[in-house]
């Protein structure tokens, strides 16, 4: 159970990091 929770946490964290990086690159491209 702990392994599944940690895996989900890492996956969600990676998704958030990717989204923030993508939005940051989008802002740089627009500016």
PDB file of N, CA and C in Angstrom:
ATOM      1  N   UNK A   1       0.852  -1.203   0.000  1.00  0.00           N
ATOM      2  CA  UNK A   1       0.000   0.000   0.000  1.00  0.00           C
ATOM      3  C   UNK A   1       0.887   1.253   0.000  1.00  0.00           C
ATOM      4  N   UNK A   2       1.929   1.234   0.829  1.00  0.00           N
ATOM      5  CA  UNK A   2       2.816   2.399   0.907  1.00  0.00           C
ATOM      6  C   UNK A   2       3.505   2.624  -0.433  1.00  0.00           C
ATOM      7  N   UNK A   3       3.871   1.516  -1.100  1.00  0.00           N
ATOM      8  CA  UNK A   3       4.549   1.635  -2.393  1.00  0.00           C
ATOM      9  C   UNK A   3       3.630   2.292  -3.414  1.00  0.00           C
ATOM     10  N   UNK A   4       2.357   1.897  -3.418  1.00  0.00           N
ATOM     11  CA  UNK A   4       1.393   2.465  -4.368  1.00  0.00           C
ATOM     12  C   UNK A   4       1.216   3.958  -4.109  1.00  0.00           C
ATOM     13  N   UNK A   5       1.083   4.329  -2.838  1.00  0.00           N
ATOM     14  CA  UNK A   5       0.886   5.745  -2.494  1.00  0.00           C
ATOM     15  C   UNK A   5       2.091   6.574  -2.903  1.00  0.00           C
ATOM     16  N   UNK A   6       3.286   6.059  -2.633  1.00  0.00           N
ATOM     17  CA  UNK A   6       4.503   6.804  -2.998  1.00  0.00           C
ATOM     18  C   UNK A   6       4.602   6.928  -4.508  1.00  0.00           C
ATOM     19  N   UNK A   7       4.215   5.867  -5.226  1.00  0.00           N
ATOM     20  CA  UNK A   7       4.266   5.901  -6.692  1.00  0.00           C
ATOM     21  C   UNK A   7       3.304   6.950  -7.232  1.00  0.00           C
ATOM     22  N   UNK A   8       2.101   7.000  -6.657  1.00  0.00           N
ATOM     23  CA  UNK A   8       1.105   7.992  -7.085  1.00  0.00           C
ATOM     24  C   UNK A   8       1.606   9.399  -6.772  1.00  0.00           C
ATOM     25  N   UNK A   9       2.233   9.567  -5.618  1.00  0.00           N
ATOM     26  CA  UNK A   9       2.752  10.885  -5.238  1.00  0.00           C
ATOM     27  C   UNK A   9       3.835  11.349  -6.194  1.00  0.00           C
ATOM     28  N   UNK A  10       4.752  10.439  -6.544  1.00  0.00           N
ATOM     29  CA  UNK A  10       5.825  10.791  -7.481  1.00  0.00           C
ATOM     30  C   UNK A  10       5.234  11.115  -8.843  1.00  0.00           C
ATOM     31  N   UNK A  11       4.248  10.334  -9.281  1.00  0.00           N
ATOM     32  CA  UNK A  11       3.637  10.543 -10.595  1.00  0.00           C
ATOM     33  C   UNK A  11       2.932  11.897 -10.646  1.00  0.00           C
ATOM     34  N   UNK A  12       2.142  12.220  -9.606  1.00  0.00           N
ATOM     35  CA  UNK A  12       1.434  13.502  -9.579  1.00  0.00           C
ATOM     36  C   UNK A  12       2.427  14.658  -9.512  1.00  0.00           C
ATOM     37  N   UNK A  13       3.490  14.485  -8.746  1.00  0.00           N
ATOM     38  CA  UNK A  13       4.509  15.528  -8.650  1.00  0.00           C
ATOM     39  C   UNK A  13       5.180  15.760  -9.991  1.00  0.00           C
ATOM     40  N   UNK A  14       5.440  14.667 -10.712  1.00  0.00           N
ATOM     41  CA  UNK A  14       6.069  14.781 -12.032  1.00  0.00           C
ATOM     42  C   UNK A  14       5.134  15.493 -13.006  1.00  0.00           C
ATOM     43  N   UNK A  15       3.831  15.186 -12.921  1.00  0.00           N
ATOM     44  CA  UNK A  15       2.855  15.832 -13.804  1.00  0.00           C
ATOM     45  C   UNK A  15       2.800  17.330 -13.524  1.00  0.00           C
ATOM     46  N   UNK A  16       2.785  17.702 -12.249  1.00  0.00           N
ATOM     47  CA  UNK A  16       2.742  19.124 -11.879  1.00  0.00           C
ATOM     48  C   UNK A  16       4.002  19.828 -12.371  1.00  0.00           C
ATOM     49  N   UNK A  17       5.163  19.181 -12.185  1.00  0.00           N
ATOM     50  CA  UNK A  17       6.431  19.775 -12.612  1.00  0.00           C
ATOM     51  C   UNK A  17       6.445  19.981 -14.123  1.00  0.00           C
ATOM     52  N   UNK A  18       5.954  18.976 -14.862  1.00  0.00           N
ATOM     53  CA  UNK A  18       5.920  19.074 -16.324  1.00  0.00           C
ATOM     54  C   UNK A  18       4.983  20.197 -16.769  1.00  0.00           C
ATOM     55  N   UNK A  19       3.816  20.300 -16.122  1.00  0.00           N
ATOM     56  CA  UNK A  19       2.856  21.346 -16.487  1.00  0.00           C
ATOM     57  C   UNK A  19       3.438  22.735 -16.232  1.00  0.00           C
ATOM     58  N   UNK A  20       4.075  22.921 -15.062  1.00  0.00           N
ATOM     59  CA  UNK A  20       4.664  24.226 -14.725  1.00  0.00           C
ATOM     60  C   UNK A  20       5.769  24.582 -15.713  1.00  0.00           C
ATOM     61  N   UNK A  21       6.608  23.601 -16.053  1.00  0.00           N
ATOM     62  CA  UNK A  21       7.700  23.855 -17.001  1.00  0.00           C
ATOM     63  C   UNK A  21       7.130  24.212 -18.368  1.00  0.00           C
ATOM     64  N   UNK A  22       6.084  23.486 -18.793  1.00  0.00           N
ATOM     65  CA  UNK A  22       5.468  23.753 -20.095  1.00  0.00           C
ATOM     66  C   UNK A  22       4.880  25.159 -20.137  1.00  0.00           C
ATOM     67  N   UNK A  23       4.179  25.550 -19.064  1.00  0.00           N
ATOM     68  CA  UNK A  23       3.587  26.894 -19.018  1.00  0.00           C
ATOM     69  C   UNK A  23       4.680  27.950 -19.005  1.00  0.00           C
ATOM     70  N   UNK A  24       5.777  27.673 -18.308  1.00  0.00           N
ATOM     71  CA  UNK A  24       6.895  28.621 -18.258  1.00  0.00           C
ATOM     72  C   UNK A  24       7.493  28.819 -19.640  1.00  0.00           C
ATOM     73  N   UNK A  25       7.692  27.727 -20.368  1.00  0.00           N
ATOM     74  CA  UNK A  25       8.242  27.829 -21.724  1.00  0.00           C
ATOM     75  C   UNK A  25       7.271  28.577 -22.628  1.00  0.00           C
ATOM     76  N   UNK A  26       5.966  28.346 -22.431  1.00  0.00           N
ATOM     77  CA  UNK A  26       4.946  29.020 -23.235  1.00  0.00           C
ATOM     78  C   UNK A  26       5.018  30.528 -22.988  1.00  0.00           C
ATOM     79  N   UNK A  27       5.169  30.934 -21.719  1.00  0.00           N
ATOM     80  CA  UNK A  27       5.271  32.361 -21.393  1.00  0.00           C
ATOM     81  C   UNK A  27       6.505  32.967 -22.042  1.00  0.00           C
ATOM     82  N   UNK A  28       7.627  32.262 -21.982  1.00  0.00           N
ATOM     83  CA  UNK A  28       8.873  32.775 -22.576  1.00  0.00           C
ATOM     84  C   UNK A  28       8.700  32.939 -24.084  1.00  0.00           C
ATOM     85  N   UNK A  29       8.009  31.984 -24.708  1.00  0.00           N
ATOM     86  CA  UNK A  29       7.807  32.061 -26.160  1.00  0.00           C
ATOM     87  C   UNK A  29       6.907  33.244 -26.513  1.00  0.00           C
ATOM     88  N   UNK A  30       5.865  33.475 -25.696  1.00  0.00           N
ATOM     89  CA  UNK A  30       4.943  34.575 -25.970  1.00  0.00           C
ATOM     90  C   UNK A  30       5.628  35.919 -25.766  1.00  0.00           C
ATOM     91  N   UNK A  31       6.486  36.006 -24.745  1.00  0.00           N
ATOM     92  CA  UNK A  31       7.174  37.274 -24.452  1.00  0.00           C
ATOM     93  C   UNK A  31       8.394  37.430 -25.314  1.00  0.00           C
TER      94      UNK A  31
END
